[in-house]
PDB file of N, CA and C in Angstrom:
ATOM      1  N   MET A   1      96.654-178.862-118.214  1.00  0.00           N
ATOM      2  CA  MET A   1      95.735-178.616-117.145  1.00  0.00           C
ATOM      3  C   MET A   1      95.585-177.094-116.991  1.00  0.00           C
ATOM      4  N   LYS A   2      94.370-176.653-116.865  1.00  0.00           N
ATOM      5  CA  LYS A   2      94.108-175.223-116.748  1.00  0.00           C
ATOM      6  C   LYS A   2      94.254-174.780-115.295  1.00  0.00           C
ATOM      7  N   ASN A   3      94.631-173.522-115.179  1.00  0.00           N
ATOM      8  CA  ASN A   3      94.718-172.901-113.865  1.00  0.00           C
ATOM      9  C   ASN A   3      93.376-172.187-113.623  1.00  0.00           C
ATOM     10  N   ASN A   4      92.477-172.836-112.933  1.00  0.00           N
ATOM     11  CA  ASN A   4      91.157-172.246-112.654  1.00  0.00           C
ATOM     12  C   ASN A   4      91.275-171.247-111.535  1.00  0.00           C
ATOM     13  N   GLU A   5      90.900-170.017-111.835  1.00  0.00           N
ATOM     14  CA  GLU A   5      90.903-168.976-110.804  1.00  0.00           C
ATOM     15  C   GLU A   5      89.464-168.771-110.387  1.00  0.00           C
ATOM     16  N   GLY A   6      89.253-168.607-109.128  1.00  0.00           N
ATOM     17  CA  GLY A   6      87.912-168.429-108.612  1.00  0.00           C
ATOM     18  C   GLY A   6      87.778-169.128-107.273  1.00  0.00           C
ATOM     19  N   PHE A   7      86.588-169.145-106.766  1.00  0.00           N
ATOM     20  CA  PHE A   7      86.319-169.745-105.477  1.00  0.00           C
ATOM     21  C   PHE A   7      85.598-171.083-105.645  1.00  0.00           C
ATOM     22  N   PHE A   8      85.939-171.990-104.784  1.00  0.00           N
ATOM     23  CA  PHE A   8      85.218-173.233-104.726  1.00  0.00           C
ATOM     24  C   PHE A   8      83.991-173.028-103.852  1.00  0.00           C
ATOM     25  N   LEU A   9      83.040-173.887-103.949  1.00  0.00           N
ATOM     26  CA  LEU A   9      81.826-173.810-103.161  1.00  0.00           C
ATOM     27  C   LEU A   9      82.146-173.883-101.663  1.00  0.00           C
ATOM     28  N   ALA A  10      83.055-174.705-101.280  1.00  0.00           N
ATOM     29  CA  ALA A  10      83.435-174.884 -99.869  1.00  0.00           C
ATOM     30  C   ALA A  10      83.992-173.559 -99.310  1.00  0.00           C
ATOM     31  N   GLU A  11      84.789-172.854-100.104  1.00  0.00           N
ATOM     32  CA  GLU A  11      85.362-171.573 -99.638  1.00  0.00           C
ATOM     33  C   GLU A  11      84.260-170.532 -99.459  1.00  0.00           C
ATOM     34  N   ALA A  12      83.296-170.506-100.355  1.00  0.00           N
ATOM     35  CA  ALA A  12      82.194-169.543-100.239  1.00  0.00           C
ATOM     36  C   ALA A  12      81.336-169.863 -99.006  1.00  0.00           C
ATOM     37  N   ILE A  13      81.054-171.140 -98.782  1.00  0.00           N
ATOM     38  CA  ILE A  13      80.273-171.540 -97.597  1.00  0.00           C
ATOM     39  C   ILE A  13      81.032-171.186 -96.315  1.00  0.00           C
ATOM     40  N   PHE A  14      82.325-171.393 -96.301  1.00  0.00           N
ATOM     41  CA  PHE A  14      83.129-171.024 -95.133  1.00  0.00           C
ATOM     42  C   PHE A  14      83.085-169.527 -94.869  1.00  0.00           C
ATOM     43  N   ALA A  15      83.159-168.716 -95.896  1.00  0.00           N
ATOM     44  CA  ALA A  15      83.102-167.259 -95.739  1.00  0.00           C
ATOM     45  C   ALA A  15      81.750-166.813 -95.171  1.00  0.00           C
ATOM     46  N   VAL A  16      80.670-167.403 -95.662  1.00  0.00           N
ATOM     47  CA  VAL A  16      79.346-167.065 -95.174  1.00  0.00           C
ATOM     48  C   VAL A  16      79.197-167.510 -93.728  1.00  0.00           C
ATOM     49  N   LEU A  17      79.702-168.689 -93.390  1.00  0.00           N
ATOM     50  CA  LEU A  17      79.665-169.170 -92.025  1.00  0.00           C
ATOM     51  C   LEU A  17      80.440-168.262 -91.082  1.00  0.00           C
ATOM     52  N   LEU A  18      81.587-167.828 -91.506  1.00  0.00           N
ATOM     53  CA  LEU A  18      82.404-166.931 -90.688  1.00  0.00           C
ATOM     54  C   LEU A  18      81.696-165.587 -90.468  1.00  0.00           C
ATOM     55  N   LEU A  19      81.111-165.054 -91.499  1.00  0.00           N
ATOM     56  CA  LEU A  19      80.369-163.806 -91.378  1.00  0.00           C
ATOM     57  C   LEU A  19      79.159-163.966 -90.445  1.00  0.00           C
ATOM     58  N   THR A  20      78.484-165.109 -90.533  1.00  0.00           N
ATOM     59  CA  THR A  20      77.350-165.363 -89.659  1.00  0.00           C
ATOM     60  C   THR A  20      77.786-165.435 -88.190  1.00  0.00           C
ATOM     61  N   LEU A  21      78.891-166.085 -87.925  1.00  0.00           N
ATOM     62  CA  LEU A  21      79.406-166.159 -86.544  1.00  0.00           C
ATOM     63  C   LEU A  21      79.758-164.773 -86.011  1.00  0.00           C
ATOM     64  N   VAL A  22      80.375-163.961 -86.814  1.00  0.00           N
ATOM     65  CA  VAL A  22      80.709-162.606 -86.378  1.00  0.00           C
ATOM     66  C   VAL A  22      79.450-161.807 -86.066  1.00  0.00           C
ATOM     67  N   MET A  23      78.433-161.940 -86.885  1.00  0.00           N
ATOM     68  CA  MET A  23      77.171-161.238 -86.633  1.00  0.00           C
ATOM     69  C   MET A  23      76.482-161.752 -85.381  1.00  0.00           C
ATOM     70  N   LEU A  24      76.524-163.073 -85.164  1.00  0.00           N
ATOM     71  CA  LEU A  24      75.888-163.643 -83.968  1.00  0.00           C
ATOM     72  C   LEU A  24      76.555-163.179 -82.680  1.00  0.00           C
ATOM     73  N   VAL A  25      77.829-162.901 -82.731  1.00  0.00           N
ATOM     74  CA  VAL A  25      78.547-162.418 -81.557  1.00  0.00           C
ATOM     75  C   VAL A  25      78.339-160.912 -81.364  1.00  0.00           C
ATOM     76  N   SER A  26      78.300-160.166 -82.454  1.00  0.00           N
ATOM     77  CA  SER A  26      78.251-158.703 -82.327  1.00  0.00           C
ATOM     78  C   SER A  26      76.856-158.152 -82.063  1.00  0.00           C
ATOM     79  N   PHE A  27      75.789-158.779 -82.563  1.00  0.00           N
ATOM     80  CA  PHE A  27      74.456-158.223 -82.377  1.00  0.00           C
ATOM     81  C   PHE A  27      74.029-158.164 -80.911  1.00  0.00           C
ATOM     82  N   PRO A  28      74.220-159.195 -80.092  1.00  0.00           N
ATOM     83  CA  PRO A  28      73.864-159.029 -78.671  1.00  0.00           C
ATOM     84  C   PRO A  28      74.686-157.936 -77.962  1.00  0.00           C
ATOM     85  N   LEU A  29      75.923-157.806 -78.328  1.00  0.00           N
ATOM     86  CA  LEU A  29      76.742-156.730 -77.722  1.00  0.00           C
ATOM     87  C   LEU A  29      76.221-155.358 -78.121  1.00  0.00           C
ATOM     88  N   LEU A  30      75.849-155.209 -79.368  1.00  0.00           N
ATOM     89  CA  LEU A  30      75.308-153.906 -79.812  1.00  0.00           C
ATOM     90  C   LEU A  30      73.942-153.631 -79.164  1.00  0.00           C
ATOM     91  N   TYR A  31      73.116-154.632 -79.003  1.00  0.00           N
ATOM     92  CA  TYR A  31      71.820-154.447 -78.359  1.00  0.00           C
ATOM     93  C   TYR A  31      71.984-154.066 -76.895  1.00  0.00           C
ATOM     94  N   HIS A  32      72.910-154.723 -76.200  1.00  0.00           N
ATOM     95  CA  HIS A  32      73.170-154.404 -74.796  1.00  0.00           C
ATOM     96  C   HIS A  32      73.708-152.982 -74.669  1.00  0.00           C
ATOM     97  N   THR A  33      74.598-152.569 -75.568  1.00  0.00           N
ATOM     98  CA  THR A  33      75.106-151.210 -75.563  1.00  0.00           C
ATOM     99  C   THR A  33      73.978-150.191 -75.798  1.00  0.00           C
ATOM    100  N   TYR A  34      73.064-150.505 -76.686  1.00  0.00           N
ATOM    101  CA  TYR A  34      71.938-149.633 -76.959  1.00  0.00           C
ATOM    102  C   TYR A  34      71.046-149.491 -75.721  1.00  0.00           C
ATOM    103  N   GLN A  35      70.788-150.577 -75.021  1.00  0.00           N
ATOM    104  CA  GLN A  35      69.963-150.542 -73.811  1.00  0.00           C
ATOM    105  C   GLN A  35      70.637-149.732 -72.712  1.00  0.00           C
ATOM    106  N   GLU A  36      71.948-149.913 -72.563  1.00  0.00           N
ATOM    107  CA  GLU A  36      72.682-149.149 -71.549  1.00  0.00           C
ATOM    108  C   GLU A  36      72.657-147.644 -71.868  1.00  0.00           C
ATOM    109  N   ARG A  37      72.750-147.321 -73.134  1.00  0.00           N
ATOM    110  CA  ARG A  37      72.696-145.898 -73.541  1.00  0.00           C
ATOM    111  C   ARG A  37      71.322-145.325 -73.218  1.00  0.00           C
ATOM    112  N   GLN A  38      70.260-146.084 -73.448  1.00  0.00           N
ATOM    113  CA  GLN A  38      68.906-145.604 -73.127  1.00  0.00           C
ATOM    114  C   GLN A  38      68.762-145.374 -71.617  1.00  0.00           C
ATOM    115  N   ALA A  39      69.278-146.291 -70.824  1.00  0.00           N
ATOM    116  CA  ALA A  39      69.219-146.135 -69.368  1.00  0.00           C
ATOM    117  C   ALA A  39      69.967-144.897 -68.918  1.00  0.00           C
ATOM    118  N   ILE A  40      71.116-144.648 -69.484  1.00  0.00           N
ATOM    119  CA  ILE A  40      71.902-143.465 -69.104  1.00  0.00           C
ATOM    120  C   ILE A  40      71.161-142.182 -69.500  1.00  0.00           C
ATOM    121  N   GLU A  41      70.555-142.168 -70.684  1.00  0.00           N
ATOM    122  CA  GLU A  41      69.795-141.011 -71.124  1.00  0.00           C
ATOM    123  C   GLU A  41      68.589-140.753 -70.195  1.00  0.00           C
ATOM    124  N   GLN A  42      67.892-141.828 -69.771  1.00  0.00           N
ATOM    125  CA  GLN A  42      66.782-141.654 -68.841  1.00  0.00           C
ATOM    126  C   GLN A  42      67.266-141.098 -67.510  1.00  0.00           C
ATOM    127  N   LYS A  43      68.416-141.591 -67.039  1.00  0.00           N
ATOM    128  CA  LYS A  43      68.941-141.122 -65.768  1.00  0.00           C
ATOM    129  C   LYS A  43      69.338-139.651 -65.861  1.00  0.00           C
ATOM    130  N   LYS A  44      69.931-139.253 -66.996  1.00  0.00           N
ATOM    131  CA  LYS A  44      70.274-137.843 -67.203  1.00  0.00           C
ATOM    132  C   LYS A  44      69.039-136.945 -67.174  1.00  0.00           C
ATOM    133  N   GLU A  45      67.980-137.394 -67.865  1.00  0.00           N
ATOM    134  CA  GLU A  45      66.759-136.603 -67.915  1.00  0.00           C
ATOM    135  C   GLU A  45      66.140-136.531 -66.511  1.00  0.00           C
ATOM    136  N   ALA A  46      66.147-137.627 -65.771  1.00  0.00           N
ATOM    137  CA  ALA A  46      65.605-137.622 -64.411  1.00  0.00           C
ATOM    138  C   ALA A  46      66.407-136.684 -63.502  1.00  0.00           C
ATOM    139  N   LEU A  47      67.710-136.688 -63.635  1.00  0.00           N
ATOM    140  CA  LEU A  47      68.572-135.824 -62.837  1.00  0.00           C
ATOM    141  C   LEU A  47      68.284-134.371 -63.171  1.00  0.00           C
ATOM    142  N   SER A  48      68.132-134.057 -64.430  1.00  0.00           N
ATOM    143  CA  SER A  48      67.807-132.701 -64.832  1.00  0.00           C
ATOM    144  C   SER A  48      66.453-132.274 -64.295  1.00  0.00           C
ATOM    145  N   LEU A  49      65.466-133.176 -64.351  1.00  0.00           N
ATOM    146  CA  LEU A  49      64.152-132.902 -63.813  1.00  0.00           C
ATOM    147  C   LEU A  49      64.230-132.671 -62.300  1.00  0.00           C
ATOM    148  N   LEU A  50      65.014-133.451 -61.622  1.00  0.00           N
ATOM    149  CA  LEU A  50      65.200-133.303 -60.181  1.00  0.00           C
ATOM    150  C   LEU A  50      65.825-131.950 -59.832  1.00  0.00           C
ATOM    151  N   GLN A  51      66.867-131.568 -60.554  1.00  0.00           N
ATOM    152  CA  GLN A  51      67.504-130.272 -60.313  1.00  0.00           C
ATOM    153  C   GLN A  51      66.538-129.124 -60.569  1.00  0.00           C
ATOM    154  N   ASN A  52      65.818-129.177 -61.672  1.00  0.00           N
ATOM    155  CA  ASN A  52      64.886-128.112 -61.995  1.00  0.00           C
ATOM    156  C   ASN A  52      63.773-127.990 -60.966  1.00  0.00           C
ATOM    157  N   ALA A  53      63.264-129.131 -60.505  1.00  0.00           N
ATOM    158  CA  ALA A  53      62.177-129.110 -59.496  1.00  0.00           C
ATOM    159  C   ALA A  53      62.701-128.528 -58.189  1.00  0.00           C
ATOM    160  N   LEU A  54      63.917-128.894 -57.799  1.00  0.00           N
ATOM    161  CA  LEU A  54      64.476-128.334 -56.544  1.00  0.00           C
ATOM    162  C   LEU A  54      64.729-126.829 -56.685  1.00  0.00           C
ATOM    163  N   LEU A  55      65.214-126.388 -57.818  1.00  0.00           N
ATOM    164  CA  LEU A  55      65.432-124.948 -58.021  1.00  0.00           C
ATOM    165  C   LEU A  55      64.107-124.177 -58.008  1.00  0.00           C
ATOM    166  N   LYS A  56      63.059-124.747 -58.636  1.00  0.00           N
ATOM    167  CA  LYS A  56      61.755-124.073 -58.611  1.00  0.00           C
ATOM    168  C   LYS A  56      61.207-124.005 -57.202  1.00  0.00           C
ATOM    169  N   TRP A  57      61.395-125.066 -56.423  1.00  0.00           N
ATOM    170  CA  TRP A  57      60.910-125.096 -55.052  1.00  0.00           C
ATOM    171  C   TRP A  57      61.671-124.079 -54.205  1.00  0.00           C
ATOM    172  N   GLN A  58      62.990-123.986 -54.404  1.00  0.00           N
ATOM    173  CA  GLN A  58      63.789-123.021 -53.640  1.00  0.00           C
ATOM    174  C   GLN A  58      63.420-121.596 -53.991  1.00  0.00           C
ATOM    175  N   ALA A  59      63.048-121.339 -55.239  1.00  0.00           N
ATOM    176  CA  ALA A  59      62.711-119.980 -55.673  1.00  0.00           C
ATOM    177  C   ALA A  59      61.277-119.617 -55.356  1.00  0.00           C
ATOM    178  N   ALA A  60      60.426-120.564 -55.061  1.00  0.00           N
ATOM    179  CA  ALA A  60      59.028-120.289 -54.797  1.00  0.00           C
ATOM    180  C   ALA A  60      58.865-119.594 -53.467  1.00  0.00           C
ATOM    181  N   PRO A  61      58.044-118.547 -53.398  1.00  0.00           N
ATOM    182  CA  PRO A  61      57.832-117.844 -52.141  1.00  0.00           C
ATOM    183  C   PRO A  61      56.993-118.643 -51.148  1.00  0.00           C
ATOM    184  N   ASN A  62      56.178-119.540 -51.640  1.00  0.00           N
ATOM    185  CA  ASN A  62      55.257-120.318 -50.804  1.00  0.00           C
ATOM    186  C   ASN A  62      55.722-121.754 -50.744  1.00  0.00           C
ATOM    187  N   ASP A  63      55.760-122.349 -49.564  1.00  0.00           N
ATOM    188  CA  ASP A  63      56.223-123.726 -49.425  1.00  0.00           C
ATOM    189  C   ASP A  63      55.268-124.718 -50.063  1.00  0.00           C
ATOM    190  N   ASP A  64      54.011-124.329 -50.266  1.00  0.00           N
ATOM    191  CA  ASP A  64      53.042-125.263 -50.811  1.00  0.00           C
ATOM    192  C   ASP A  64      53.192-125.436 -52.315  1.00  0.00           C
ATOM    193  N   MET A  65      53.986-124.585 -52.964  1.00  0.00           N
ATOM    194  CA  MET A  65      54.167-124.669 -54.401  1.00  0.00           C
ATOM    195  C   MET A  65      55.221-125.684 -54.771  1.00  0.00           C
ATOM    196  N   LEU A  66      54.842-126.909 -54.864  1.00  0.00           N
ATOM    197  CA  LEU A  66      55.766-127.964 -55.257  1.00  0.00           C
ATOM    198  C   LEU A  66      55.534-128.266 -56.732  1.00  0.00           C
ATOM    199  N   PRO A  67      56.629-128.218 -57.535  1.00  0.00           N
ATOM    200  CA  PRO A  67      56.465-128.402 -58.976  1.00  0.00           C
ATOM    201  C   PRO A  67      55.987-129.813 -59.316  1.00  0.00           C
ATOM    202  N   ALA A  68      55.262-129.876 -60.425  1.00  0.00           N
ATOM    203  CA  ALA A  68      54.745-131.159 -60.925  1.00  0.00           C
ATOM    204  C   ALA A  68      55.447-131.505 -62.227  1.00  0.00           C
ATOM    205  N   VAL A  69      55.376-132.772 -62.566  1.00  0.00           N
ATOM    206  CA  VAL A  69      55.981-133.258 -63.805  1.00  0.00           C
ATOM    207  C   VAL A  69      54.934-133.236 -64.894  1.00  0.00           C
ATOM    208  N   PRO A  70      55.286-132.818 -66.122  1.00  0.00           N
ATOM    209  CA  PRO A  70      54.320-132.906 -67.218  1.00  0.00           C
ATOM    210  C   PRO A  70      53.838-134.366 -67.425  1.00  0.00           C
ATOM    211  N   ALA A  71      52.583-134.501 -67.814  1.00  0.00           N
ATOM    212  CA  ALA A  71      52.001-135.843 -67.923  1.00  0.00           C
ATOM    213  C   ALA A  71      52.590-136.671 -69.071  1.00  0.00           C
ATOM    214  N   THR A  72      53.338-136.045 -69.962  1.00  0.00           N
ATOM    215  CA  THR A  72      53.907-136.782 -71.081  1.00  0.00           C
ATOM    216  C   THR A  72      55.137-137.585 -70.720  1.00  0.00           C
ATOM    217  N   ARG A  73      55.677-137.377 -69.547  1.00  0.00           N
ATOM    218  CA  ARG A  73      56.897-138.070 -69.151  1.00  0.00           C
ATOM    219  C   ARG A  73      56.581-139.205 -68.179  1.00  0.00           C
ATOM    220  N   PRO A  74      57.392-140.262 -68.189  1.00  0.00           N
ATOM    221  CA  PRO A  74      57.094-141.408 -67.295  1.00  0.00           C
ATOM    222  C   PRO A  74      57.655-141.221 -65.882  1.00  0.00           C
ATOM    223  N   TYR A  75      58.110-140.009 -65.537  1.00  0.00           N
ATOM    224  CA  TYR A  75      58.732-139.785 -64.241  1.00  0.00           C
ATOM    225  C   TYR A  75      57.681-139.361 -63.217  1.00  0.00           C
ATOM    226  N   VAL A  76      57.910-139.781 -61.969  1.00  0.00           N
ATOM    227  CA  VAL A  76      56.999-139.415 -60.883  1.00  0.00           C
ATOM    228  C   VAL A  76      57.833-138.761 -59.794  1.00  0.00           C
ATOM    229  N   LEU A  77      57.383-137.591 -59.348  1.00  0.00           N
ATOM    230  CA  LEU A  77      58.076-136.860 -58.277  1.00  0.00           C
ATOM    231  C   LEU A  77      57.389-137.148 -56.939  1.00  0.00           C
ATOM    232  N   ASP A  78      58.176-137.410 -55.928  1.00  0.00           N
ATOM    233  CA  ASP A  78      57.663-137.594 -54.562  1.00  0.00           C
ATOM    234  C   ASP A  78      58.320-136.575 -53.652  1.00  0.00           C
ATOM    235  N   TRP A  79      57.519-135.751 -53.033  1.00  0.00           N
ATOM    236  CA  TRP A  79      58.030-134.747 -52.100  1.00  0.00           C
ATOM    237  C   TRP A  79      57.800-135.224 -50.683  1.00  0.00           C
ATOM    238  N   LYS A  80      58.813-135.041 -49.839  1.00  0.00           N
ATOM    239  CA  LYS A  80      58.672-135.308 -48.417  1.00  0.00           C
ATOM    240  C   LYS A  80      59.237-134.101 -47.683  1.00  0.00           C
ATOM    241  N   LYS A  81      58.398-133.394 -46.989  1.00  0.00           N
ATOM    242  CA  LYS A  81      58.813-132.179 -46.294  1.00  0.00           C
ATOM    243  C   LYS A  81      59.407-132.566 -44.942  1.00  0.00           C
ATOM    244  N   ALA A  82      60.680-132.305 -44.717  1.00  0.00           N
ATOM    245  CA  ALA A  82      61.332-132.635 -43.448  1.00  0.00           C
ATOM    246  C   ALA A  82      61.004-131.593 -42.395  1.00  0.00           C
ATOM    247  N   THR A  83      61.297-130.360 -42.695  1.00  0.00           N
ATOM    248  CA  THR A  83      60.993-129.228 -41.805  1.00  0.00           C
ATOM    249  C   THR A  83      60.363-128.134 -42.657  1.00  0.00           C
ATOM    250  N   GLU A  84      60.221-126.965 -42.080  1.00  0.00           N
ATOM    251  CA  GLU A  84      59.607-125.862 -42.810  1.00  0.00           C
ATOM    252  C   GLU A  84      60.459-125.418 -43.980  1.00  0.00           C
ATOM    253  N   HIS A  85      61.769-125.524 -43.836  1.00  0.00           N
ATOM    254  CA  HIS A  85      62.668-125.039 -44.909  1.00  0.00           C
ATOM    255  C   HIS A  85      63.483-126.178 -45.535  1.00  0.00           C
ATOM    256  N   GLU A  86      63.148-127.402 -45.274  1.00  0.00           N
ATOM    257  CA  GLU A  86      63.854-128.516 -45.882  1.00  0.00           C
ATOM    258  C   GLU A  86      62.859-129.503 -46.483  1.00  0.00           C
ATOM    259  N   ALA A  87      63.267-130.073 -47.601  1.00  0.00           N
ATOM    260  CA  ALA A  87      62.404-131.059 -48.251  1.00  0.00           C
ATOM    261  C   ALA A  87      63.286-132.083 -48.952  1.00  0.00           C
ATOM    262  N   LYS A  88      62.739-133.265 -49.111  1.00  0.00           N
ATOM    263  CA  LYS A  88      63.416-134.333 -49.860  1.00  0.00           C
ATOM    264  C   LYS A  88      62.586-134.632 -51.080  1.00  0.00           C
ATOM    265  N   LEU A  89      63.238-134.673 -52.216  1.00  0.00           N
ATOM    266  CA  LEU A  89      62.559-134.930 -53.457  1.00  0.00           C
ATOM    267  C   LEU A  89      63.139-136.186 -54.094  1.00  0.00           C
ATOM    268  N   CYS A  90      62.262-137.089 -54.479  1.00  0.00           N
ATOM    269  CA  CYS A  90      62.677-138.300 -55.161  1.00  0.00           C
ATOM    270  C   CYS A  90      61.946-138.377 -56.503  1.00  0.00           C
ATOM    271  N   VAL A  91      62.650-138.800 -57.503  1.00  0.00           N
ATOM    272  CA  VAL A  91      62.045-139.041 -58.799  1.00  0.00           C
ATOM    273  C   VAL A  91      62.259-140.508 -59.132  1.00  0.00           C
ATOM    274  N   HIS A  92      61.196-141.166 -59.573  1.00  0.00           N
ATOM    275  CA  HIS A  92      61.343-142.593 -59.960  1.00  0.00           C
ATOM    276  C   HIS A  92      60.604-142.803 -61.245  1.00  0.00           C
ATOM    277  N   TRP A  93      61.079-143.801 -61.982  1.00  0.00           N
ATOM    278  CA  TRP A  93      60.522-144.103 -63.292  1.00  0.00           C
ATOM    279  C   TRP A  93      60.758-145.565 -63.625  1.00  0.00           C
ATOM    280  N   PRO A  94      59.900-146.127 -64.509  1.00  0.00           N
ATOM    281  CA  PRO A  94      60.100-147.504 -64.919  1.00  0.00           C
ATOM    282  C   PRO A  94      61.229-147.559 -65.962  1.00  0.00           C
ATOM    283  N   GLY A  95      62.164-148.467 -65.745  1.00  0.00           N
ATOM    284  CA  GLY A  95      63.284-148.579 -66.659  1.00  0.00           C
ATOM    285  C   GLY A  95      63.206-149.821 -67.501  1.00  0.00           C
ATOM    286  N   LEU A  96      64.350-150.283 -67.934  1.00  0.00           N
ATOM    287  CA  LEU A  96      64.431-151.484 -68.751  1.00  0.00           C
ATOM    288  C   LEU A  96      64.039-152.717 -67.960  1.00  0.00           C
ATOM    289  N   HIS A  97      63.385-153.634 -68.618  1.00  0.00           N
ATOM    290  CA  HIS A  97      62.988-154.917 -68.014  1.00  0.00           C
ATOM    291  C   HIS A  97      62.112-154.710 -66.789  1.00  0.00           C
ATOM    292  N   HIS A  98      61.318-153.638 -66.787  1.00  0.00           N
ATOM    293  CA  HIS A  98      60.351-153.314 -65.729  1.00  0.00           C
ATOM    294  C   HIS A  98      61.031-153.091 -64.388  1.00  0.00           C
ATOM    295  N   GLU A  99      62.266-152.652 -64.398  1.00  0.00           N
ATOM    296  CA  GLU A  99      62.950-152.284 -63.163  1.00  0.00           C
ATOM    297  C   GLU A  99      62.532-150.874 -62.783  1.00  0.00           C
ATOM    298  N   GLU A 100      62.507-150.587 -61.516  1.00  0.00           N
ATOM    299  CA  GLU A 100      62.148-149.263 -61.009  1.00  0.00           C
ATOM    300  C   GLU A 100      63.433-148.521 -60.621  1.00  0.00           C
ATOM    301  N   TYR A 101      63.677-147.412 -61.283  1.00  0.00           N
ATOM    302  CA  TYR A 101      64.842-146.577 -60.988  1.00  0.00           C
ATOM    303  C   TYR A 101      64.406-145.429 -60.100  1.00  0.00           C
ATOM    304  N   ARG A 102      65.324-144.967 -59.220  1.00  0.00           N
ATOM    305  CA  ARG A 102      64.982-143.920 -58.287  1.00  0.00           C
ATOM    306  C   ARG A 102      66.203-143.041 -58.012  1.00  0.00           C
ATOM    307  N   LEU A 103      65.984-141.711 -58.018  1.00  0.00           N
ATOM    308  CA  LEU A 103      67.007-140.740 -57.636  1.00  0.00           C
ATOM    309  C   LEU A 103      66.390-139.826 -56.599  1.00  0.00           C
ATOM    310  N   CYS A 104      67.155-139.512 -55.565  1.00  0.00           N
ATOM    311  CA  CYS A 104      66.655-138.651 -54.493  1.00  0.00           C
ATOM    312  C   CYS A 104      67.671-137.561 -54.193  1.00  0.00           C
ATOM    313  N   SER A 105      67.130-136.431 -53.671  1.00  0.00           N
ATOM    314  CA  SER A 105      67.983-135.317 -53.303  1.00  0.00           C
ATOM    315  C   SER A 105      67.266-134.509 -52.236  1.00  0.00           C
ATOM    316  N   GLU A 106      68.023-133.759 -51.463  1.00  0.00           N
ATOM    317  CA  GLU A 106      67.446-132.904 -50.446  1.00  0.00           C
ATOM    318  C   GLU A 106      67.714-131.448 -50.774  1.00  0.00           C
ATOM    319  N   GLY A 107      66.777-130.600 -50.417  1.00  0.00           N
ATOM    320  CA  GLY A 107      66.925-129.181 -50.682  1.00  0.00           C
ATOM    321  C   GLY A 107      66.607-128.369 -49.449  1.00  0.00           C
ATOM    322  N   LYS A 108      67.259-127.215 -49.350  1.00  0.00           N
ATOM    323  CA  LYS A 108      67.016-126.266 -48.251  1.00  0.00           C
ATOM    324  C   LYS A 108      66.722-124.923 -48.831  1.00  0.00           C
ATOM    325  N   LYS A 109      65.808-124.199 -48.154  1.00  0.00           N
ATOM    326  CA  LYS A 109      65.513-122.841 -48.560  1.00  0.00           C
ATOM    327  C   LYS A 109      66.348-121.894 -47.753  1.00  0.00           C
TER     328      LYS A 109
END
């Protein structure tokens, strides 16, 4: 009787099945991680935009000079003037799954 070395068809099918199961479990996790990373990057950019807008407003000699967002970005700035030397700035943008994200801050001159 010969000693046949190699794989049987059942072993090969089992290996492919195992690999498929691992991929089915890992792909949704990787996709979710990718979406979370995108949301964090958007929040970082919005926070940077908020800081820059507040700094420009504080440095502006005239209270009417409120900075605007470039049209290429999906962010919208909302200014609410509390007093002559105080203002509240909110930035909002559409996020994942059509959710609306919002960051707000107050500034004083």
